[in-house]
Amino acid sequence: DISAYIMHWYRQAPGKRRELVALIST
């Protein structure tokens, strides 16, 4: 149940580290 979770979007480009791009409260 995602209502119990803060949710994130990450992205990873070729040759780059994964980065957090957005988050949203529960």
mmCIF file of all heavy atoms, coordinates in Angstrom:
data_MODEL
# 
_entry.id   MODEL 
# 
loop_
_atom_site.group_PDB 
_atom_site.id 
_atom_site.type_symbol 
_atom_site.label_atom_id 
_atom_site.label_alt_id 
_atom_site.label_comp_id 
_atom_site.label_asym_id 
_atom_site.label_entity_id 
_atom_site.label_seq_id 
_atom_site.pdbx_PDB_ins_code 
_atom_site.Cartn_x 
_atom_site.Cartn_y 
_atom_site.Cartn_z 
_atom_site.occupancy 
_atom_site.B_iso_or_equiv 
_atom_site.pdbx_formal_charge 
_atom_site.auth_seq_id 
_atom_site.auth_comp_id 
_atom_site.auth_asym_id 
_atom_site.auth_atom_id 
_atom_site.pdbx_PDB_model_num 
ATOM 1   N N   . ASP A 1 1  ? 0.864  -1.171 0.000   1.00 0.00 ? 1  ASP A N   1 
ATOM 2   C CA  . ASP A 1 1  ? 0.000  0.000  0.000   1.00 0.00 ? 1  ASP A CA  1 
ATOM 3   C C   . ASP A 1 1  ? 0.900  1.220  0.000   1.00 0.00 ? 1  ASP A C   1 
ATOM 4   O O   . ASP A 1 1  ? 1.540  1.517  1.008   1.00 0.00 ? 1  ASP A O   1 
ATOM 5   C CB  . ASP A 1 1  ? -0.900 -0.038 1.229   1.00 0.00 ? 1  ASP A CB  1 
ATOM 6   C CG  . ASP A 1 1  ? -1.851 1.134  1.309   1.00 0.00 ? 1  ASP A CG  1 
ATOM 7   O OD1 . ASP A 1 1  ? -1.804 2.028  0.439   1.00 0.00 ? 1  ASP A OD1 1 
ATOM 8   O OD2 . ASP A 1 1  ? -2.656 1.159  2.262   1.00 0.00 ? 1  ASP A OD2 1 
ATOM 9   N N   . ILE A 1 2  ? 0.935  1.945  -1.101  1.00 0.00 ? 2  ILE A N   1 
ATOM 10  C CA  . ILE A 1 2  ? 1.885  3.045  -1.194  1.00 0.00 ? 2  ILE A CA  1 
ATOM 11  C C   . ILE A 1 2  ? 1.516  4.215  -0.298  1.00 0.00 ? 2  ILE A C   1 
ATOM 12  O O   . ILE A 1 2  ? 2.349  5.107  -0.084  1.00 0.00 ? 2  ILE A O   1 
ATOM 13  C CB  . ILE A 1 2  ? 2.093  3.541  -2.634  1.00 0.00 ? 2  ILE A CB  1 
ATOM 14  C CG1 . ILE A 1 2  ? 0.842  4.236  -3.174  1.00 0.00 ? 2  ILE A CG1 1 
ATOM 15  C CG2 . ILE A 1 2  ? 2.544  2.412  -3.545  1.00 0.00 ? 2  ILE A CG2 1 
ATOM 16  C CD1 . ILE A 1 2  ? 1.123  5.102  -4.377  1.00 0.00 ? 2  ILE A CD1 1 
ATOM 17  N N   . SER A 1 3  ? 0.318  4.231  0.248   1.00 0.00 ? 3  SER A N   1 
ATOM 18  C CA  . SER A 1 3  ? -0.049 5.316  1.151   1.00 0.00 ? 3  SER A CA  1 
ATOM 19  C C   . SER A 1 3  ? 0.809  5.337  2.413   1.00 0.00 ? 3  SER A C   1 
ATOM 20  O O   . SER A 1 3  ? 0.847  6.351  3.114   1.00 0.00 ? 3  SER A O   1 
ATOM 21  C CB  . SER A 1 3  ? -1.532 5.238  1.527   1.00 0.00 ? 3  SER A CB  1 
ATOM 22  O OG  . SER A 1 3  ? -1.804 4.112  2.334   1.00 0.00 ? 3  SER A OG  1 
ATOM 23  N N   . ALA A 1 4  ? 1.498  4.239  2.706   1.00 0.00 ? 4  ALA A N   1 
ATOM 24  C CA  . ALA A 1 4  ? 2.401  4.174  3.846   1.00 0.00 ? 4  ALA A CA  1 
ATOM 25  C C   . ALA A 1 4  ? 3.815  4.637  3.507   1.00 0.00 ? 4  ALA A C   1 
ATOM 26  O O   . ALA A 1 4  ? 4.677  4.639  4.387   1.00 0.00 ? 4  ALA A O   1 
ATOM 27  C CB  . ALA A 1 4  ? 2.448  2.749  4.397   1.00 0.00 ? 4  ALA A CB  1 
ATOM 28  N N   . TYR A 1 5  ? 4.053  5.027  2.255   1.00 0.00 ? 5  TYR A N   1 
ATOM 29  C CA  . TYR A 1 5  ? 5.400  5.309  1.798   1.00 0.00 ? 5  TYR A CA  1 
ATOM 30  C C   . TYR A 1 5  ? 5.533  6.695  1.188   1.00 0.00 ? 5  TYR A C   1 
ATOM 31  O O   . TYR A 1 5  ? 4.706  7.106  0.362   1.00 0.00 ? 5  TYR A O   1 
ATOM 32  C CB  . TYR A 1 5  ? 5.833  4.298  0.724   1.00 0.00 ? 5  TYR A CB  1 
ATOM 33  C CG  . TYR A 1 5  ? 5.987  2.890  1.230   1.00 0.00 ? 5  TYR A CG  1 
ATOM 34  C CD1 . TYR A 1 5  ? 4.896  2.032  1.285   1.00 0.00 ? 5  TYR A CD1 1 
ATOM 35  C CD2 . TYR A 1 5  ? 7.226  2.423  1.640   1.00 0.00 ? 5  TYR A CD2 1 
ATOM 36  C CE1 . TYR A 1 5  ? 5.036  0.741  1.750   1.00 0.00 ? 5  TYR A CE1 1 
ATOM 37  C CE2 . TYR A 1 5  ? 7.371  1.130  2.102   1.00 0.00 ? 5  TYR A CE2 1 
ATOM 38  C CZ  . TYR A 1 5  ? 6.274  0.291  2.150   1.00 0.00 ? 5  TYR A CZ  1 
ATOM 39  O OH  . TYR A 1 5  ? 6.423  -1.001 2.604   1.00 0.00 ? 5  TYR A OH  1 
ATOM 40  N N   . ILE A 1 6  ? 6.576  7.404  1.592   1.00 0.00 ? 6  ILE A N   1 
ATOM 41  C CA  . ILE A 1 6  ? 7.109  8.444  0.726   1.00 0.00 ? 6  ILE A CA  1 
ATOM 42  C C   . ILE A 1 6  ? 7.567  7.754  -0.561  1.00 0.00 ? 6  ILE A C   1 
ATOM 43  O O   . ILE A 1 6  ? 8.124  6.660  -0.531  1.00 0.00 ? 6  ILE A O   1 
ATOM 44  C CB  . ILE A 1 6  ? 8.301  9.151  1.398   1.00 0.00 ? 6  ILE A CB  1 
ATOM 45  C CG1 . ILE A 1 6  ? 7.815  9.944  2.609   1.00 0.00 ? 6  ILE A CG1 1 
ATOM 46  C CG2 . ILE A 1 6  ? 9.045  10.038 0.421   1.00 0.00 ? 6  ILE A CG2 1 
ATOM 47  C CD1 . ILE A 1 6  ? 8.948  10.486 3.462   1.00 0.00 ? 6  ILE A CD1 1 
ATOM 48  N N   . MET A 1 7  ? 7.330  8.379  -1.685  1.00 0.00 ? 7  MET A N   1 
ATOM 49  C CA  . MET A 1 7  ? 7.713  7.793  -2.960  1.00 0.00 ? 7  MET A CA  1 
ATOM 50  C C   . MET A 1 7  ? 8.743  8.670  -3.657  1.00 0.00 ? 7  MET A C   1 
ATOM 51  O O   . MET A 1 7  ? 8.699  9.901  -3.578  1.00 0.00 ? 7  MET A O   1 
ATOM 52  C CB  . MET A 1 7  ? 6.494  7.600  -3.866  1.00 0.00 ? 7  MET A CB  1 
ATOM 53  C CG  . MET A 1 7  ? 5.459  6.645  -3.302  1.00 0.00 ? 7  MET A CG  1 
ATOM 54  S SD  . MET A 1 7  ? 6.065  4.935  -3.124  1.00 0.00 ? 7  MET A SD  1 
ATOM 55  C CE  . MET A 1 7  ? 6.272  4.453  -4.837  1.00 0.00 ? 7  MET A CE  1 
ATOM 56  N N   . HIS A 1 8  ? 9.658  8.001  -4.351  1.00 0.00 ? 8  HIS A N   1 
ATOM 57  C CA  . HIS A 1 8  ? 10.740 8.664  -5.070  1.00 0.00 ? 8  HIS A CA  1 
ATOM 58  C C   . HIS A 1 8  ? 10.713 8.319  -6.546  1.00 0.00 ? 8  HIS A C   1 
ATOM 59  O O   . HIS A 1 8  ? 10.322 7.214  -6.929  1.00 0.00 ? 8  HIS A O   1 
ATOM 60  C CB  . HIS A 1 8  ? 12.115 8.190  -4.563  1.00 0.00 ? 8  HIS A CB  1 
ATOM 61  C CG  . HIS A 1 8  ? 12.421 8.521  -3.142  1.00 0.00 ? 8  HIS A CG  1 
ATOM 62  N ND1 . HIS A 1 8  ? 13.373 7.837  -2.432  1.00 0.00 ? 8  HIS A ND1 1 
ATOM 63  C CD2 . HIS A 1 8  ? 11.947 9.466  -2.306  1.00 0.00 ? 8  HIS A CD2 1 
ATOM 64  C CE1 . HIS A 1 8  ? 13.465 8.341  -1.223  1.00 0.00 ? 8  HIS A CE1 1 
ATOM 65  N NE2 . HIS A 1 8  ? 12.612 9.333  -1.125  1.00 0.00 ? 8  HIS A NE2 1 
ATOM 66  N N   . TRP A 1 9  ? 11.190 9.261  -7.361  1.00 0.00 ? 9  TRP A N   1 
ATOM 67  C CA  . TRP A 1 9  ? 11.652 8.960  -8.707  1.00 0.00 ? 9  TRP A CA  1 
ATOM 68  C C   . TRP A 1 9  ? 13.158 9.206  -8.762  1.00 0.00 ? 9  TRP A C   1 
ATOM 69  O O   . TRP A 1 9  ? 13.632 10.268 -8.346  1.00 0.00 ? 9  TRP A O   1 
ATOM 70  C CB  . TRP A 1 9  ? 10.965 9.821  -9.759  1.00 0.00 ? 9  TRP A CB  1 
ATOM 71  C CG  . TRP A 1 9  ? 9.576  9.402  -10.097 1.00 0.00 ? 9  TRP A CG  1 
ATOM 72  C CD1 . TRP A 1 9  ? 8.422  9.928  -9.622  1.00 0.00 ? 9  TRP A CD1 1 
ATOM 73  C CD2 . TRP A 1 9  ? 9.194  8.368  -11.019 1.00 0.00 ? 9  TRP A CD2 1 
ATOM 74  N NE1 . TRP A 1 9  ? 7.339  9.294  -10.186 1.00 0.00 ? 9  TRP A NE1 1 
ATOM 75  C CE2 . TRP A 1 9  ? 7.779  8.329  -11.037 1.00 0.00 ? 9  TRP A CE2 1 
ATOM 76  C CE3 . TRP A 1 9  ? 9.895  7.474  -11.825 1.00 0.00 ? 9  TRP A CE3 1 
ATOM 77  C CZ2 . TRP A 1 9  ? 7.061  7.433  -11.836 1.00 0.00 ? 9  TRP A CZ2 1 
ATOM 78  C CZ3 . TRP A 1 9  ? 9.186  6.583  -12.609 1.00 0.00 ? 9  TRP A CZ3 1 
ATOM 79  C CH2 . TRP A 1 9  ? 7.789  6.568  -12.607 1.00 0.00 ? 9  TRP A CH2 1 
ATOM 80  N N   . TYR A 1 10 ? 13.874 8.224  -9.265  1.00 0.00 ? 10 TYR A N   1 
ATOM 81  C CA  . TYR A 1 10 ? 15.297 8.329  -9.538  1.00 0.00 ? 10 TYR A CA  1 
ATOM 82  C C   . TYR A 1 10 ? 15.524 8.208  -11.037 1.00 0.00 ? 10 TYR A C   1 
ATOM 83  O O   . TYR A 1 10 ? 14.664 7.720  -11.778 1.00 0.00 ? 10 TYR A O   1 
ATOM 84  C CB  . TYR A 1 10 ? 16.074 7.209  -8.857  1.00 0.00 ? 10 TYR A CB  1 
ATOM 85  C CG  . TYR A 1 10 ? 16.308 7.355  -7.370  1.00 0.00 ? 10 TYR A CG  1 
ATOM 86  C CD1 . TYR A 1 10 ? 15.331 6.980  -6.455  1.00 0.00 ? 10 TYR A CD1 1 
ATOM 87  C CD2 . TYR A 1 10 ? 17.520 7.831  -6.888  1.00 0.00 ? 10 TYR A CD2 1 
ATOM 88  C CE1 . TYR A 1 10 ? 15.556 7.082  -5.092  1.00 0.00 ? 10 TYR A CE1 1 
ATOM 89  C CE2 . TYR A 1 10 ? 17.752 7.934  -5.527  1.00 0.00 ? 10 TYR A CE2 1 
ATOM 90  C CZ  . TYR A 1 10 ? 16.769 7.560  -4.636  1.00 0.00 ? 10 TYR A CZ  1 
ATOM 91  O OH  . TYR A 1 10 ? 17.002 7.661  -3.285  1.00 0.00 ? 10 TYR A OH  1 
ATOM 92  N N   . ARG A 1 11 ? 16.710 8.615  -11.464 1.00 0.00 ? 11 ARG A N   1 
ATOM 93  C CA  . ARG A 1 11 ? 17.110 8.353  -12.832 1.00 0.00 ? 11 ARG A CA  1 
ATOM 94  C C   . ARG A 1 11 ? 18.602 8.045  -12.884 1.00 0.00 ? 11 ARG A C   1 
ATOM 95  O O   . ARG A 1 11 ? 19.362 8.441  -12.010 1.00 0.00 ? 11 ARG A O   1 
ATOM 96  C CB  . ARG A 1 11 ? 16.783 9.519  -13.764 1.00 0.00 ? 11 ARG A CB  1 
ATOM 97  C CG  . ARG A 1 11 ? 17.598 10.777 -13.523 1.00 0.00 ? 11 ARG A CG  1 
ATOM 98  C CD  . ARG A 1 11 ? 17.093 11.911 -14.415 1.00 0.00 ? 11 ARG A CD  1 
ATOM 99  N NE  . ARG A 1 11 ? 17.875 13.120 -14.246 1.00 0.00 ? 11 ARG A NE  1 
ATOM 100 C CZ  . ARG A 1 11 ? 17.572 14.285 -14.803 1.00 0.00 ? 11 ARG A CZ  1 
ATOM 101 N NH1 . ARG A 1 11 ? 16.486 14.384 -15.582 1.00 0.00 ? 11 ARG A NH1 1 
ATOM 102 N NH2 . ARG A 1 11 ? 18.345 15.341 -14.599 1.00 0.00 ? 11 ARG A NH2 1 
ATOM 103 N N   . GLN A 1 12 ? 18.989 7.327  -13.912 1.00 0.00 ? 12 GLN A N   1 
ATOM 104 C CA  . GLN A 1 12 ? 20.389 7.013  -14.120 1.00 0.00 ? 12 GLN A CA  1 
ATOM 105 C C   . GLN A 1 12 ? 20.700 7.095  -15.607 1.00 0.00 ? 12 GLN A C   1 
ATOM 106 O O   . GLN A 1 12 ? 20.126 6.359  -16.410 1.00 0.00 ? 12 GLN A O   1 
ATOM 107 C CB  . GLN A 1 12 ? 20.744 5.626  -13.585 1.00 0.00 ? 12 GLN A CB  1 
ATOM 108 C CG  . GLN A 1 12 ? 22.233 5.335  -13.616 1.00 0.00 ? 12 GLN A CG  1 
ATOM 109 C CD  . GLN A 1 12 ? 22.619 4.166  -12.737 1.00 0.00 ? 12 GLN A CD  1 
ATOM 110 O OE1 . GLN A 1 12 ? 21.799 3.290  -12.461 1.00 0.00 ? 12 GLN A OE1 1 
ATOM 111 N NE2 . GLN A 1 12 ? 23.863 4.149  -12.287 1.00 0.00 ? 12 GLN A NE2 1 
ATOM 112 N N   . ALA A 1 13 ? 21.602 8.000  -15.951 1.00 0.00 ? 13 ALA A N   1 
ATOM 113 C CA  . ALA A 1 13 ? 22.056 8.169  -17.314 1.00 0.00 ? 13 ALA A CA  1 
ATOM 114 C C   . ALA A 1 13 ? 23.296 7.317  -17.550 1.00 0.00 ? 13 ALA A C   1 
ATOM 115 O O   . ALA A 1 13 ? 24.012 6.969  -16.600 1.00 0.00 ? 13 ALA A O   1 
ATOM 116 C CB  . ALA A 1 13 ? 22.366 9.636  -17.591 1.00 0.00 ? 13 ALA A CB  1 
ATOM 117 N N   . PRO A 1 14 ? 23.587 6.971  -18.803 1.00 0.00 ? 14 PRO A N   1 
ATOM 118 C CA  . PRO A 1 14 ? 24.783 6.178  -19.092 1.00 0.00 ? 14 PRO A CA  1 
ATOM 119 C C   . PRO A 1 14 ? 26.042 6.842  -18.550 1.00 0.00 ? 14 PRO A C   1 
ATOM 120 O O   . PRO A 1 14 ? 26.275 8.030  -18.785 1.00 0.00 ? 14 PRO A O   1 
ATOM 121 C CB  . PRO A 1 14 ? 24.807 6.114  -20.616 1.00 0.00 ? 14 PRO A CB  1 
ATOM 122 C CG  . PRO A 1 14 ? 23.382 6.287  -21.019 1.00 0.00 ? 14 PRO A CG  1 
ATOM 123 C CD  . PRO A 1 14 ? 22.811 7.248  -20.023 1.00 0.00 ? 14 PRO A CD  1 
ATOM 124 N N   . GLY A 1 15 ? 26.842 6.078  -17.818 1.00 0.00 ? 15 GLY A N   1 
ATOM 125 C CA  . GLY A 1 15 ? 28.081 6.583  -17.264 1.00 0.00 ? 15 GLY A CA  1 
ATOM 126 C C   . GLY A 1 15 ? 27.929 7.510  -16.083 1.00 0.00 ? 15 GLY A C   1 
ATOM 127 O O   . GLY A 1 15 ? 28.931 8.072  -15.623 1.00 0.00 ? 15 GLY A O   1 
ATOM 128 N N   . LYS A 1 16 ? 26.716 7.680  -15.586 1.00 0.00 ? 16 LYS A N   1 
ATOM 129 C CA  . LYS A 1 16 ? 26.461 8.584  -14.480 1.00 0.00 ? 16 LYS A CA  1 
ATOM 130 C C   . LYS A 1 16 ? 25.927 7.816  -13.276 1.00 0.00 ? 16 LYS A C   1 
ATOM 131 O O   . LYS A 1 16 ? 25.404 6.710  -13.403 1.00 0.00 ? 16 LYS A O   1 
ATOM 132 C CB  . LYS A 1 16 ? 25.450 9.657  -14.877 1.00 0.00 ? 16 LYS A CB  1 
ATOM 133 C CG  . LYS A 1 16 ? 25.848 10.500 -16.074 1.00 0.00 ? 16 LYS A CG  1 
ATOM 134 C CD  . LYS A 1 16 ? 27.010 11.407 -15.757 1.00 0.00 ? 16 LYS A CD  1 
ATOM 135 C CE  . LYS A 1 16 ? 27.310 12.332 -16.919 1.00 0.00 ? 16 LYS A CE  1 
ATOM 136 N NZ  . LYS A 1 16 ? 28.438 13.241 -16.612 1.00 0.00 ? 16 LYS A NZ  1 
ATOM 137 N N   . ARG A 1 17 ? 26.067 8.432  -12.114 1.00 0.00 ? 17 ARG A N   1 
ATOM 138 C CA  . ARG A 1 17 ? 25.497 7.851  -10.913 1.00 0.00 ? 17 ARG A CA  1 
ATOM 139 C C   . ARG A 1 17 ? 23.987 8.057  -10.892 1.00 0.00 ? 17 ARG A C   1 
ATOM 140 O O   . ARG A 1 17 ? 23.457 9.005  -11.488 1.00 0.00 ? 17 ARG A O   1 
ATOM 141 C CB  . ARG A 1 17 ? 26.138 8.452  -9.667  1.00 0.00 ? 17 ARG A CB  1 
ATOM 142 C CG  . ARG A 1 17 ? 25.928 9.946  -9.536  1.00 0.00 ? 17 ARG A CG  1 
ATOM 143 C CD  . ARG A 1 17 ? 26.703 10.524 -8.357  1.00 0.00 ? 17 ARG A CD  1 
ATOM 144 N NE  . ARG A 1 17 ? 26.190 10.063 -7.089  1.00 0.00 ? 17 ARG A NE  1 
ATOM 145 C CZ  . ARG A 1 17 ? 25.223 10.669 -6.407  1.00 0.00 ? 17 ARG A CZ  1 
ATOM 146 N NH1 . ARG A 1 17 ? 24.654 11.763 -6.877  1.00 0.00 ? 17 ARG A NH1 1 
ATOM 147 N NH2 . ARG A 1 17 ? 24.835 10.174 -5.246  1.00 0.00 ? 17 ARG A NH2 1 
ATOM 148 N N   . ARG A 1 18 ? 23.303 7.177  -10.195 1.00 0.00 ? 18 ARG A N   1 
ATOM 149 C CA  . ARG A 1 18 ? 21.872 7.334  -10.022 1.00 0.00 ? 18 ARG A CA  1 
ATOM 150 C C   . ARG A 1 18 ? 21.575 8.564  -9.173  1.00 0.00 ? 18 ARG A C   1 
ATOM 151 O O   . ARG A 1 18 ? 22.240 8.807  -8.162  1.00 0.00 ? 18 ARG A O   1 
ATOM 152 C CB  . ARG A 1 18 ? 21.289 6.083  -9.369  1.00 0.00 ? 18 ARG A CB  1 
ATOM 153 C CG  . ARG A 1 18 ? 19.782 6.102  -9.238  1.00 0.00 ? 18 ARG A CG  1 
ATOM 154 C CD  . ARG A 1 18 ? 19.277 4.773  -8.718  1.00 0.00 ? 18 ARG A CD  1 
ATOM 155 N NE  . ARG A 1 18 ? 19.885 4.441  -7.438  1.00 0.00 ? 18 ARG A NE  1 
ATOM 156 C CZ  . ARG A 1 18 ? 19.690 3.308  -6.777  1.00 0.00 ? 18 ARG A CZ  1 
ATOM 157 N NH1 . ARG A 1 18 ? 18.890 2.378  -7.301  1.00 0.00 ? 18 ARG A NH1 1 
ATOM 158 N NH2 . ARG A 1 18 ? 20.286 3.087  -5.626  1.00 0.00 ? 18 ARG A NH2 1 
ATOM 159 N N   . GLU A 1 19 ? 20.600 9.340  -9.571  1.00 0.00 ? 19 GLU A N   1 
ATOM 160 C CA  . GLU A 1 19 ? 20.262 10.548 -8.840  1.00 0.00 ? 19 GLU A CA  1 
ATOM 161 C C   . GLU A 1 19 ? 18.778 10.597 -8.525  1.00 0.00 ? 19 GLU A C   1 
ATOM 162 O O   . GLU A 1 19 ? 17.934 10.174 -9.320  1.00 0.00 ? 19 GLU A O   1 
ATOM 163 C CB  . GLU A 1 19 ? 20.677 11.803 -9.619  1.00 0.00 ? 19 GLU A CB  1 
ATOM 164 C CG  . GLU A 1 19 ? 19.960 11.990 -10.939 1.00 0.00 ? 19 GLU A CG  1 
ATOM 165 C CD  . GLU A 1 19 ? 20.284 13.316 -11.613 1.00 0.00 ? 19 GLU A CD  1 
ATOM 166 O OE1 . GLU A 1 19 ? 20.674 14.276 -10.914 1.00 0.00 ? 19 GLU A OE1 1 
ATOM 167 O OE2 . GLU A 1 19 ? 20.141 13.394 -12.855 1.00 0.00 ? 19 GLU A OE2 1 
ATOM 168 N N   . LEU A 1 20 ? 18.478 11.134 -7.368  1.00 0.00 ? 20 LEU A N   1 
ATOM 169 C CA  . LEU A 1 20 ? 17.101 11.369 -6.966  1.00 0.00 ? 20 LEU A CA  1 
ATOM 170 C C   . LEU A 1 20 ? 16.602 12.618 -7.674  1.00 0.00 ? 20 LEU A C   1 
ATOM 171 O O   . LEU A 1 20 ? 17.228 13.681 -7.591  1.00 0.00 ? 20 LEU A O   1 
ATOM 172 C CB  . LEU A 1 20 ? 17.020 11.543 -5.450  1.00 0.00 ? 20 LEU A CB  1 
ATOM 173 C CG  . LEU A 1 20 ? 15.649 11.868 -4.861  1.00 0.00 ? 20 LEU A CG  1 
ATOM 174 C CD1 . LEU A 1 20 ? 14.673 10.712 -5.053  1.00 0.00 ? 20 LEU A CD1 1 
ATOM 175 C CD2 . LEU A 1 20 ? 15.787 12.202 -3.372  1.00 0.00 ? 20 LEU A CD2 1 
ATOM 176 N N   . VAL A 1 21 ? 15.483 12.509 -8.353  1.00 0.00 ? 21 VAL A N   1 
ATOM 177 C CA  . VAL A 1 21 ? 14.946 13.661 -9.070  1.00 0.00 ? 21 VAL A CA  1 
ATOM 178 C C   . VAL A 1 21 ? 13.708 14.246 -8.416  1.00 0.00 ? 21 VAL A C   1 
ATOM 179 O O   . VAL A 1 21 ? 13.440 15.440 -8.571  1.00 0.00 ? 21 VAL A O   1 
ATOM 180 C CB  . VAL A 1 21 ? 14.674 13.343 -10.553 1.00 0.00 ? 21 VAL A CB  1 
ATOM 181 C CG1 . VAL A 1 21 ? 15.960 12.936 -11.255 1.00 0.00 ? 21 VAL A CG1 1 
ATOM 182 C CG2 . VAL A 1 21 ? 13.617 12.258 -10.718 1.00 0.00 ? 21 VAL A CG2 1 
ATOM 183 N N   . ALA A 1 22 ? 12.939 13.433 -7.698  1.00 0.00 ? 22 ALA A N   1 
ATOM 184 C CA  . ALA A 1 22 ? 11.717 13.947 -7.089  1.00 0.00 ? 22 ALA A CA  1 
ATOM 185 C C   . ALA A 1 22 ? 11.255 13.018 -5.988  1.00 0.00 ? 22 ALA A C   1 
ATOM 186 O O   . ALA A 1 22 ? 11.488 11.805 -6.038  1.00 0.00 ? 22 ALA A O   1 
ATOM 187 C CB  . ALA A 1 22 ? 10.605 14.111 -8.121  1.00 0.00 ? 22 ALA A CB  1 
ATOM 188 N N   . LEU A 1 23 ? 10.590 13.584 -4.995  1.00 0.00 ? 23 LEU A N   1 
ATOM 189 C CA  . LEU A 1 23 ? 9.947  12.790 -3.961  1.00 0.00 ? 23 LEU A CA  1 
ATOM 190 C C   . LEU A 1 23 ? 8.630  13.435 -3.585  1.00 0.00 ? 23 LEU A C   1 
ATOM 191 O O   . LEU A 1 23 ? 8.418  14.633 -3.793  1.00 0.00 ? 23 LEU A O   1 
ATOM 192 C CB  . LEU A 1 23 ? 10.852 12.614 -2.733  1.00 0.00 ? 23 LEU A CB  1 
ATOM 193 C CG  . LEU A 1 23 ? 11.258 13.837 -1.917  1.00 0.00 ? 23 LEU A CG  1 
ATOM 194 C CD1 . LEU A 1 23 ? 10.192 14.211 -0.884  1.00 0.00 ? 23 LEU A CD1 1 
ATOM 195 C CD2 . LEU A 1 23 ? 12.580 13.574 -1.209  1.00 0.00 ? 23 LEU A CD2 1 
ATOM 196 N N   . ILE A 1 24 ? 7.761  12.620 -3.011  1.00 0.00 ? 24 ILE A N   1 
ATOM 197 C CA  . ILE A 1 24 ? 6.443  13.099 -2.634  1.00 0.00 ? 24 ILE A CA  1 
ATOM 198 C C   . ILE A 1 24 ? 6.053  12.468 -1.306  1.00 0.00 ? 24 ILE A C   1 
ATOM 199 O O   . ILE A 1 24 ? 6.316  11.288 -1.059  1.00 0.00 ? 24 ILE A O   1 
ATOM 200 C CB  . ILE A 1 24 ? 5.409  12.805 -3.747  1.00 0.00 ? 24 ILE A CB  1 
ATOM 201 C CG1 . ILE A 1 24 ? 4.058  13.456 -3.440  1.00 0.00 ? 24 ILE A CG1 1 
ATOM 202 C CG2 . ILE A 1 24 ? 5.267  11.306 -3.992  1.00 0.00 ? 24 ILE A CG2 1 
ATOM 203 C CD1 . ILE A 1 24 ? 3.109  13.469 -4.639  1.00 0.00 ? 24 ILE A CD1 1 
ATOM 204 N N   . SER A 1 25 ? 5.433  13.245 -0.447  1.00 0.00 ? 25 SER A N   1 
ATOM 205 C CA  . SER A 1 25 ? 5.012  12.766 0.860   1.00 0.00 ? 25 SER A CA  1 
ATOM 206 C C   . SER A 1 25 ? 3.880  11.760 0.713   1.00 0.00 ? 25 SER A C   1 
ATOM 207 O O   . SER A 1 25 ? 3.290  11.588 -0.355  1.00 0.00 ? 25 SER A O   1 
ATOM 208 C CB  . SER A 1 25 ? 4.595  13.935 1.747   1.00 0.00 ? 25 SER A CB  1 
ATOM 209 O OG  . SER A 1 25 ? 3.535  14.667 1.160   1.00 0.00 ? 25 SER A OG  1 
ATOM 210 N N   . THR A 1 26 ? 3.557  11.093 1.815   1.00 0.00 ? 26 THR A N   1 
ATOM 211 C CA  . THR A 1 26 ? 2.670  9.929  1.751   1.00 0.00 ? 26 THR A CA  1 
ATOM 212 C C   . THR A 1 26 ? 1.301  10.225 1.178   1.00 0.00 ? 26 THR A C   1 
ATOM 213 O O   . THR A 1 26 ? 0.705  9.372  0.510   1.00 0.00 ? 26 THR A O   1 
ATOM 214 C CB  . THR A 1 26 ? 2.518  9.295  3.137   1.00 0.00 ? 26 THR A CB  1 
ATOM 215 O OG1 . THR A 1 26 ? 2.104  10.281 4.081   1.00 0.00 ? 26 THR A OG1 1 
ATOM 216 C CG2 . THR A 1 26 ? 3.820  8.657  3.589   1.00 0.00 ? 26 THR A CG2 1 
# 
